[in-house]
């Protein structure tokens, strides 16, 4: 079975496209990541989680810019705006 024919490959492709389109709005710690794909792609059974993960890994292997984010990145440092109420001055 070719990666594009694998279960959830179309959904993962849409997930990656949505992540690319909205990259400035998304936390790179969560999207695009394998865990993010599992959380956002609808599935019914526990065995489908593995299929989503496999489709994600196959898709990022074919698209190297995403390959560096196979797993979630460590959380980014908290940023406080100077004009945010309660923020340290």
PDB file of N, CA and C in Angstrom:
ATOM      1  N   UNK A   1       0.856  -1.170   0.000  1.00  0.00           N
ATOM      2  CA  UNK A   1       0.000   0.000   0.000  1.00  0.00           C
ATOM      3  C   UNK A   1       0.902   1.234   0.000  1.00  0.00           C
ATOM      4  N   UNK A   2       0.696   2.129  -0.942  1.00  0.00           N
ATOM      5  CA  UNK A   2       1.472   3.362  -1.021  1.00  0.00           C
ATOM      6  C   UNK A   2       1.063   4.288   0.117  1.00  0.00           C
ATOM      7  N   UNK A   3       1.992   5.136   0.590  1.00  0.00           N
ATOM      8  CA  UNK A   3       1.640   6.045   1.697  1.00  0.00           C
ATOM      9  C   UNK A   3       0.398   6.884   1.420  1.00  0.00           C
ATOM     10  N   UNK A   4       0.205   7.310   0.167  1.00  0.00           N
ATOM     11  CA  UNK A   4      -0.970   8.130  -0.139  1.00  0.00           C
ATOM     12  C   UNK A   4      -2.268   7.324  -0.083  1.00  0.00           C
ATOM     13  N   UNK A   5      -2.162   5.981  -0.110  1.00  0.00           N
ATOM     14  CA  UNK A   5      -3.337   5.116  -0.024  1.00  0.00           C
ATOM     15  C   UNK A   5      -3.594   4.642   1.405  1.00  0.00           C
ATOM     16  N   UNK A   6      -2.669   4.908   2.295  1.00  0.00           N
ATOM     17  CA  UNK A   6      -2.788   4.441   3.676  1.00  0.00           C
ATOM     18  C   UNK A   6      -3.979   5.114   4.358  1.00  0.00           C
ATOM     19  N   UNK A   7      -4.565   4.413   5.339  1.00  0.00           N
ATOM     20  CA  UNK A   7      -5.661   5.036   6.080  1.00  0.00           C
ATOM     21  C   UNK A   7      -5.213   6.364   6.689  1.00  0.00           C
ATOM     22  N   UNK A   8      -6.064   7.345   6.611  1.00  0.00           N
ATOM     23  CA  UNK A   8      -5.866   8.684   7.185  1.00  0.00           C
ATOM     24  C   UNK A   8      -4.839   9.540   6.450  1.00  0.00           C
ATOM     25  N   UNK A   9      -4.313   9.090   5.320  1.00  0.00           N
ATOM     26  CA  UNK A   9      -3.319   9.904   4.614  1.00  0.00           C
ATOM     27  C   UNK A   9      -3.931  11.209   4.098  1.00  0.00           C
ATOM     28  N   UNK A  10      -5.154  11.171   3.623  1.00  0.00           N
ATOM     29  CA  UNK A  10      -5.807  12.396   3.135  1.00  0.00           C
ATOM     30  C   UNK A  10      -6.058  13.365   4.288  1.00  0.00           C
ATOM     31  N   UNK A  11      -6.482  12.832   5.429  1.00  0.00           N
ATOM     32  CA  UNK A  11      -6.738  13.679   6.594  1.00  0.00           C
ATOM     33  C   UNK A  11      -5.448  14.317   7.097  1.00  0.00           C
ATOM     34  N   UNK A  12      -4.364  13.548   7.111  1.00  0.00           N
ATOM     35  CA  UNK A  12      -3.073  14.080   7.544  1.00  0.00           C
ATOM     36  C   UNK A  12      -2.593  15.148   6.575  1.00  0.00           C
ATOM     37  N   UNK A  13      -2.787  14.925   5.279  1.00  0.00           N
ATOM     38  CA  UNK A  13      -2.392  15.931   4.285  1.00  0.00           C
ATOM     39  C   UNK A  13      -3.153  17.235   4.524  1.00  0.00           C
ATOM     40  N   UNK A  14      -4.446  17.144   4.819  1.00  0.00           N
ATOM     41  CA  UNK A  14      -5.235  18.345   5.123  1.00  0.00           C
ATOM     42  C   UNK A  14      -4.751  19.000   6.416  1.00  0.00           C
ATOM     43  N   UNK A  15      -4.442  18.184   7.421  1.00  0.00           N
ATOM     44  CA  UNK A  15      -3.924  18.704   8.693  1.00  0.00           C
ATOM     45  C   UNK A  15      -2.625  19.481   8.455  1.00  0.00           C
ATOM     46  N   UNK A  16      -1.693  18.916   7.693  1.00  0.00           N
ATOM     47  CA  UNK A  16      -0.426  19.585   7.421  1.00  0.00           C
ATOM     48  C   UNK A  16      -0.637  20.871   6.620  1.00  0.00           C
ATOM     49  N   UNK A  17      -1.554  20.832   5.670  1.00  0.00           N
ATOM     50  CA  UNK A  17      -1.851  22.040   4.885  1.00  0.00           C
ATOM     51  C   UNK A  17      -2.456  23.125   5.773  1.00  0.00           C
ATOM     52  N   UNK A  18      -3.376  22.737   6.655  1.00  0.00           N
ATOM     53  CA  UNK A  18      -3.975  23.706   7.579  1.00  0.00           C
ATOM     54  C   UNK A  18      -2.922  24.284   8.520  1.00  0.00           C
ATOM     55  N   UNK A  19      -2.019  23.434   9.002  1.00  0.00           N
ATOM     56  CA  UNK A  19      -0.959  23.914   9.883  1.00  0.00           C
ATOM     57  C   UNK A  19      -0.051  24.898   9.155  1.00  0.00           C
ATOM     58  N   UNK A  20       0.264  24.608   7.909  1.00  0.00           N
ATOM     59  CA  UNK A  20       1.114  25.514   7.136  1.00  0.00           C
ATOM     60  C   UNK A  20       0.405  26.840   6.898  1.00  0.00           C
ATOM     61  N   UNK A  21      -0.884  26.772   6.591  1.00  0.00           N
ATOM     62  CA  UNK A  21      -1.656  27.985   6.320  1.00  0.00           C
ATOM     63  C   UNK A  21      -1.807  28.864   7.560  1.00  0.00           C
ATOM     64  N   UNK A  22      -1.906  28.243   8.716  1.00  0.00           N
ATOM     65  CA  UNK A  22      -2.149  28.985   9.958  1.00  0.00           C
ATOM     66  C   UNK A  22      -0.950  28.962  10.903  1.00  0.00           C
ATOM     67  N   UNK A  23       0.239  28.769  10.385  1.00  0.00           N
ATOM     68  CA  UNK A  23       1.434  28.588  11.215  1.00  0.00           C
ATOM     69  C   UNK A  23       1.646  29.727  12.203  1.00  0.00           C
ATOM     70  N   UNK A  24       1.343  30.955  11.796  1.00  0.00           N
ATOM     71  CA  UNK A  24       1.595  32.076  12.701  1.00  0.00           C
ATOM     72  C   UNK A  24       0.620  32.097  13.880  1.00  0.00           C
ATOM     73  N   UNK A  25      -0.468  31.355  13.795  1.00  0.00           N
ATOM     74  CA  UNK A  25      -1.456  31.307  14.871  1.00  0.00           C
ATOM     75  C   UNK A  25      -1.291  30.094  15.783  1.00  0.00           C
ATOM     76  N   UNK A  26      -0.527  29.109  15.335  1.00  0.00           N
ATOM     77  CA  UNK A  26      -0.418  27.846  16.060  1.00  0.00           C
ATOM     78  C   UNK A  26       0.870  27.766  16.858  1.00  0.00           C
ATOM     79  N   UNK A  27       0.815  27.086  17.967  1.00  0.00           N
ATOM     80  CA  UNK A  27       2.010  26.838  18.764  1.00  0.00           C
ATOM     81  C   UNK A  27       2.830  25.740  18.096  1.00  0.00           C
ATOM     82  N   UNK A  28       4.096  26.008  17.784  1.00  0.00           N
ATOM     83  CA  UNK A  28       4.922  24.971  17.174  1.00  0.00           C
ATOM     84  C   UNK A  28       5.177  23.792  18.120  1.00  0.00           C
ATOM     85  N   UNK A  29       4.871  23.969  19.387  1.00  0.00           N
ATOM     86  CA  UNK A  29       4.997  22.857  20.331  1.00  0.00           C
ATOM     87  C   UNK A  29       3.925  21.803  20.090  1.00  0.00           C
ATOM     88  N   UNK A  30       2.843  22.181  19.409  1.00  0.00           N
ATOM     89  CA  UNK A  30       1.723  21.259  19.214  1.00  0.00           C
ATOM     90  C   UNK A  30       1.360  20.995  17.756  1.00  0.00           C
ATOM     91  N   UNK A  31       1.689  21.902  16.866  1.00  0.00           N
ATOM     92  CA  UNK A  31       1.276  21.745  15.461  1.00  0.00           C
ATOM     93  C   UNK A  31       2.348  22.241  14.518  1.00  0.00           C
ATOM     94  N   UNK A  32       2.709  21.532  13.520  1.00  0.00           N
ATOM     95  CA  UNK A  32       2.252  20.171  13.223  1.00  0.00           C
ATOM     96  C   UNK A  32       3.103  19.142  13.954  1.00  0.00           C
ATOM     97  N   UNK A  33       2.476  18.319  14.718  1.00  0.00           N
ATOM     98  CA  UNK A  33       3.143  17.212  15.405  1.00  0.00           C
ATOM     99  C   UNK A  33       2.272  15.972  15.278  1.00  0.00           C
ATOM    100  N   UNK A  34       2.872  14.843  15.556  1.00  0.00           N
ATOM    101  CA  UNK A  34       2.133  13.584  15.524  1.00  0.00           C
ATOM    102  C   UNK A  34       0.980  13.626  16.525  1.00  0.00           C
ATOM    103  N   UNK A  35       1.262  14.120  17.722  1.00  0.00           N
ATOM    104  CA  UNK A  35       0.222  14.198  18.758  1.00  0.00           C
ATOM    105  C   UNK A  35      -0.894  15.160  18.338  1.00  0.00           C
ATOM    106  N   UNK A  36      -0.520  16.278  17.727  1.00  0.00           N
ATOM    107  CA  UNK A  36      -1.521  17.226  17.235  1.00  0.00           C
ATOM    108  C   UNK A  36      -2.425  16.592  16.197  1.00  0.00           C
ATOM    109  N   UNK A  37      -1.825  15.801  15.312  1.00  0.00           N
ATOM    110  CA  UNK A  37      -2.616  15.110  14.284  1.00  0.00           C
ATOM    111  C   UNK A  37      -3.613  14.158  14.929  1.00  0.00           C
ATOM    112  N   UNK A  38      -3.156  13.410  15.930  1.00  0.00           N
ATOM    113  CA  UNK A  38      -4.047  12.460  16.610  1.00  0.00           C
ATOM    114  C   UNK A  38      -5.201  13.200  17.281  1.00  0.00           C
ATOM    115  N   UNK A  39      -4.908  14.352  17.879  1.00  0.00           N
ATOM    116  CA  UNK A  39      -5.956  15.094  18.584  1.00  0.00           C
ATOM    117  C   UNK A  39      -6.961  15.741  17.640  1.00  0.00           C
ATOM    118  N   UNK A  40      -6.507  16.154  16.451  1.00  0.00           N
ATOM    119  CA  UNK A  40      -7.404  16.892  15.560  1.00  0.00           C
ATOM    120  C   UNK A  40      -8.072  16.054  14.481  1.00  0.00           C
ATOM    121  N   UNK A  41      -7.545  14.881  14.196  1.00  0.00           N
ATOM    122  CA  UNK A  41      -8.143  14.030  13.160  1.00  0.00           C
ATOM    123  C   UNK A  41      -9.110  13.063  13.829  1.00  0.00           C
ATOM    124  N   UNK A  42     -10.352  13.135  13.391  1.00  0.00           N
ATOM    125  CA  UNK A  42     -11.404  12.322  13.989  1.00  0.00           C
ATOM    126  C   UNK A  42     -11.139  10.847  13.717  1.00  0.00           C
ATOM    127  N   UNK A  43     -11.242  10.039  14.772  1.00  0.00           N
ATOM    128  CA  UNK A  43     -11.097   8.590  14.670  1.00  0.00           C
ATOM    129  C   UNK A  43     -11.971   7.948  15.741  1.00  0.00           C
ATOM    130  N   UNK A  44     -12.378   6.707  15.486  1.00  0.00           N
ATOM    131  CA  UNK A  44     -13.319   6.021  16.387  1.00  0.00           C
ATOM    132  C   UNK A  44     -12.662   5.014  17.316  1.00  0.00           C
ATOM    133  N   UNK A  45     -11.735   4.257  16.764  1.00  0.00           N
ATOM    134  CA  UNK A  45     -11.192   3.122  17.522  1.00  0.00           C
ATOM    135  C   UNK A  45      -9.747   3.381  17.926  1.00  0.00           C
ATOM    136  N   UNK A  46      -9.323   2.671  18.953  1.00  0.00           N
ATOM    137  CA  UNK A  46      -7.950   2.821  19.456  1.00  0.00           C
ATOM    138  C   UNK A  46      -6.925   2.444  18.393  1.00  0.00           C
ATOM    139  N   UNK A  47      -7.217   1.433  17.573  1.00  0.00           N
ATOM    140  CA  UNK A  47      -6.245   1.038  16.550  1.00  0.00           C
ATOM    141  C   UNK A  47      -6.070   2.122  15.480  1.00  0.00           C
ATOM    142  N   UNK A  48      -7.046   2.999  15.353  1.00  0.00           N
ATOM    143  CA  UNK A  48      -6.939   4.079  14.374  1.00  0.00           C
ATOM    144  C   UNK A  48      -5.930   5.146  14.809  1.00  0.00           C
ATOM    145  N   UNK A  49      -5.649   5.233  16.098  1.00  0.00           N
ATOM    146  CA  UNK A  49      -4.625   6.158  16.576  1.00  0.00           C
ATOM    147  C   UNK A  49      -3.292   5.803  15.932  1.00  0.00           C
ATOM    148  N   UNK A  50      -2.970   4.533  15.914  1.00  0.00           N
ATOM    149  CA  UNK A  50      -1.733   4.072  15.275  1.00  0.00           C
ATOM    150  C   UNK A  50      -1.717   4.362  13.787  1.00  0.00           C
ATOM    151  N   UNK A  51      -2.881   4.259  13.149  1.00  0.00           N
ATOM    152  CA  UNK A  51      -2.966   4.555  11.720  1.00  0.00           C
ATOM    153  C   UNK A  51      -2.753   6.038  11.451  1.00  0.00           C
ATOM    154  N   UNK A  52      -3.298   6.905  12.303  1.00  0.00           N
ATOM    155  CA  UNK A  52      -3.084   8.347  12.156  1.00  0.00           C
ATOM    156  C   UNK A  52      -1.603   8.656  12.346  1.00  0.00           C
ATOM    157  N   UNK A  53      -1.003   8.068  13.371  1.00  0.00           N
ATOM    158  CA  UNK A  53       0.421   8.297  13.627  1.00  0.00           C
ATOM    159  C   UNK A  53       1.276   7.826  12.449  1.00  0.00           C
ATOM    160  N   UNK A  54       0.971   6.659  11.910  1.00  0.00           N
ATOM    161  CA  UNK A  54       1.727   6.127  10.775  1.00  0.00           C
ATOM    162  C   UNK A  54       1.572   7.019   9.548  1.00  0.00           C
ATOM    163  N   UNK A  55       0.368   7.498   9.309  1.00  0.00           N
ATOM    164  CA  UNK A  55       0.126   8.390   8.165  1.00  0.00           C
ATOM    165  C   UNK A  55       0.877   9.704   8.354  1.00  0.00           C
ATOM    166  N   UNK A  56       0.915  10.213   9.581  1.00  0.00           N
ATOM    167  CA  UNK A  56       1.651  11.448   9.854  1.00  0.00           C
ATOM    168  C   UNK A  56       3.138  11.242   9.595  1.00  0.00           C
ATOM    169  N   UNK A  57       3.695  10.145  10.130  1.00  0.00           N
ATOM    170  CA  UNK A  57       5.128   9.886   9.936  1.00  0.00           C
ATOM    171  C   UNK A  57       5.469   9.725   8.458  1.00  0.00           C
ATOM    172  N   UNK A  58       4.615   9.048   7.714  1.00  0.00           N
ATOM    173  CA  UNK A  58       4.864   8.884   6.278  1.00  0.00           C
ATOM    174  C   UNK A  58       4.791  10.224   5.555  1.00  0.00           C
ATOM    175  N   UNK A  59       3.847  11.057   5.935  1.00  0.00           N
ATOM    176  CA  UNK A  59       3.688  12.357   5.279  1.00  0.00           C
ATOM    177  C   UNK A  59       4.861  13.281   5.562  1.00  0.00           C
ATOM    178  N   UNK A  60       5.326  13.320   6.811  1.00  0.00           N
ATOM    179  CA  UNK A  60       6.442  14.218   7.115  1.00  0.00           C
ATOM    180  C   UNK A  60       7.747  13.695   6.544  1.00  0.00           C
ATOM    181  N   UNK A  61       7.867  12.394   6.395  1.00  0.00           N
ATOM    182  CA  UNK A  61       9.066  11.831   5.770  1.00  0.00           C
ATOM    183  C   UNK A  61       9.144  12.256   4.306  1.00  0.00           C
ATOM    184  N   UNK A  62       7.979  12.428   3.683  1.00  0.00           N
ATOM    185  CA  UNK A  62       7.921  12.851   2.281  1.00  0.00           C
ATOM    186  C   UNK A  62       8.045  14.362   2.146  1.00  0.00           C
ATOM    187  N   UNK A  63       7.880  15.097   3.248  1.00  0.00           N
ATOM    188  CA  UNK A  63       7.947  16.569   3.234  1.00  0.00           C
ATOM    189  C   UNK A  63       8.941  17.017   4.290  1.00  0.00           C
ATOM    190  N   UNK A  64      10.240  17.033   3.971  1.00  0.00           N
ATOM    191  CA  UNK A  64      11.281  17.310   4.960  1.00  0.00           C
ATOM    192  C   UNK A  64      11.091  18.537   5.850  1.00  0.00           C
ATOM    193  N   UNK A  65      10.497  19.644   5.409  1.00  0.00           N
ATOM    194  CA  UNK A  65      10.342  20.758   6.356  1.00  0.00           C
ATOM    195  C   UNK A  65       9.582  20.374   7.616  1.00  0.00           C
ATOM    196  N   UNK A  66       8.699  19.377   7.524  1.00  0.00           N
ATOM    197  CA  UNK A  66       7.948  18.943   8.695  1.00  0.00           C
ATOM    198  C   UNK A  66       8.691  17.865   9.482  1.00  0.00           C
ATOM    199  N   UNK A  67       9.711  17.276   8.910  1.00  0.00           N
ATOM    200  CA  UNK A  67      10.386  16.142   9.546  1.00  0.00           C
ATOM    201  C   UNK A  67      11.010  16.510  10.883  1.00  0.00           C
ATOM    202  N   UNK A  68      11.357  17.761  11.081  1.00  0.00           N
ATOM    203  CA  UNK A  68      11.979  18.151  12.342  1.00  0.00           C
ATOM    204  C   UNK A  68      10.975  18.192  13.482  1.00  0.00           C
ATOM    205  N   UNK A  69       9.683  18.085  13.187  1.00  0.00           N
ATOM    206  CA  UNK A  69       8.670  18.159  14.240  1.00  0.00           C
ATOM    207  C   UNK A  69       7.869  16.869  14.352  1.00  0.00           C
ATOM    208  N   UNK A  70       8.539  15.724  14.274  1.00  0.00           N
ATOM    209  CA  UNK A  70       7.831  14.455  14.398  1.00  0.00           C
ATOM    210  C   UNK A  70       7.208  14.299  15.780  1.00  0.00           C
ATOM    211  N   UNK A  71       7.840  14.880  16.783  1.00  0.00           N
ATOM    212  CA  UNK A  71       7.299  14.836  18.133  1.00  0.00           C
ATOM    213  C   UNK A  71       7.127  16.269  18.616  1.00  0.00           C
ATOM    214  N   UNK A  72       6.410  16.427  19.676  1.00  0.00           N
ATOM    215  CA  UNK A  72       6.154  17.773  20.191  1.00  0.00           C
ATOM    216  C   UNK A  72       7.457  18.415  20.654  1.00  0.00           C
ATOM    217  N   UNK A  73       7.590  19.677  20.352  1.00  0.00           N
ATOM    218  CA  UNK A  73       8.747  20.447  20.810  1.00  0.00           C
ATOM    219  C   UNK A  73       8.543  20.805  22.272  1.00  0.00           C
ATOM    220  N   UNK A  74       9.633  21.113  22.991  1.00  0.00           N
ATOM    221  CA  UNK A  74       9.446  21.542  24.376  1.00  0.00           C
ATOM    222  C   UNK A  74       8.658  22.841  24.418  1.00  0.00           C
ATOM    223  N   UNK A  75       7.907  23.091  25.479  1.00  0.00           N
ATOM    224  CA  UNK A  75       7.102  24.302  25.541  1.00  0.00           C
ATOM    225  C   UNK A  75       7.974  25.553  25.460  1.00  0.00           C
ATOM    226  N   UNK A  76       7.463  26.542  24.762  1.00  0.00           N
ATOM    227  CA  UNK A  76       8.178  27.809  24.629  1.00  0.00           C
ATOM    228  C   UNK A  76       8.125  28.559  25.948  1.00  0.00           C
ATOM    229  N   UNK A  77       9.102  29.403  26.152  1.00  0.00           N
ATOM    230  CA  UNK A  77       9.120  30.223  27.367  1.00  0.00           C
ATOM    231  C   UNK A  77       7.912  31.148  27.364  1.00  0.00           C
ATOM    232  N   UNK A  78       7.383  31.421  28.522  1.00  0.00           N
ATOM    233  CA  UNK A  78       6.236  32.310  28.633  1.00  0.00           C
ATOM    234  C   UNK A  78       6.652  33.742  28.297  1.00  0.00           C
ATOM    235  N   UNK A  79       5.868  34.398  27.485  1.00  0.00           N
ATOM    236  CA  UNK A  79       6.139  35.772  27.111  1.00  0.00           C
ATOM    237  C   UNK A  79       5.090  36.665  27.746  1.00  0.00           C
ATOM    238  N   UNK A  80       5.518  37.703  28.384  1.00  0.00           N
ATOM    239  CA  UNK A  80       4.593  38.672  28.994  1.00  0.00           C
ATOM    240  C   UNK A  80       4.766  40.001  28.290  1.00  0.00           C
ATOM    241  N   UNK A  81       3.652  40.587  27.890  1.00  0.00           N
ATOM    242  CA  UNK A  81       3.680  41.906  27.268  1.00  0.00           C
ATOM    243  C   UNK A  81       3.767  42.953  28.358  1.00  0.00           C
ATOM    244  N   UNK A  82       4.487  44.025  28.075  1.00  0.00           N
ATOM    245  CA  UNK A  82       4.640  45.084  29.084  1.00  0.00           C
ATOM    246  C   UNK A  82       3.307  45.734  29.430  1.00  0.00           C
ATOM    247  N   UNK A  83       2.372  45.777  28.475  1.00  0.00           N
ATOM    248  CA  UNK A  83       1.090  46.432  28.743  1.00  0.00           C
ATOM    249  C   UNK A  83       0.036  45.457  29.263  1.00  0.00           C
ATOM    250  N   UNK A  84       0.426  44.209  29.528  1.00  0.00           N
ATOM    251  CA  UNK A  84      -0.504  43.231  30.060  1.00  0.00           C
ATOM    252  C   UNK A  84      -0.705  43.482  31.542  1.00  0.00           C
ATOM    253  N   UNK A  85      -1.968  43.607  32.000  1.00  0.00           N
ATOM    254  CA  UNK A  85      -2.195  43.817  33.430  1.00  0.00           C
ATOM    255  C   UNK A  85      -1.566  42.684  34.244  1.00  0.00           C
ATOM    256  N   UNK A  86      -0.853  43.055  35.265  1.00  0.00           N
ATOM    257  CA  UNK A  86      -0.225  42.077  36.130  1.00  0.00           C
ATOM    258  C   UNK A  86       1.137  41.622  35.662  1.00  0.00           C
ATOM    259  N   UNK A  87       1.579  42.058  34.467  1.00  0.00           N
ATOM    260  CA  UNK A  87       2.884  41.664  33.966  1.00  0.00           C
ATOM    261  C   UNK A  87       3.965  42.417  34.708  1.00  0.00           C
ATOM    262  N   UNK A  88       5.092  41.773  34.885  1.00  0.00           N
ATOM    263  CA  UNK A  88       6.211  42.430  35.565  1.00  0.00           C
ATOM    264  C   UNK A  88       6.714  43.584  34.744  1.00  0.00           C
ATOM    265  N   UNK A  89       7.037  44.686  35.401  1.00  0.00           N
ATOM    266  CA  UNK A  89       7.493  45.880  34.696  1.00  0.00           C
ATOM    267  C   UNK A  89       8.981  45.858  34.499  1.00  0.00           C
TER     268      UNK A  89
END
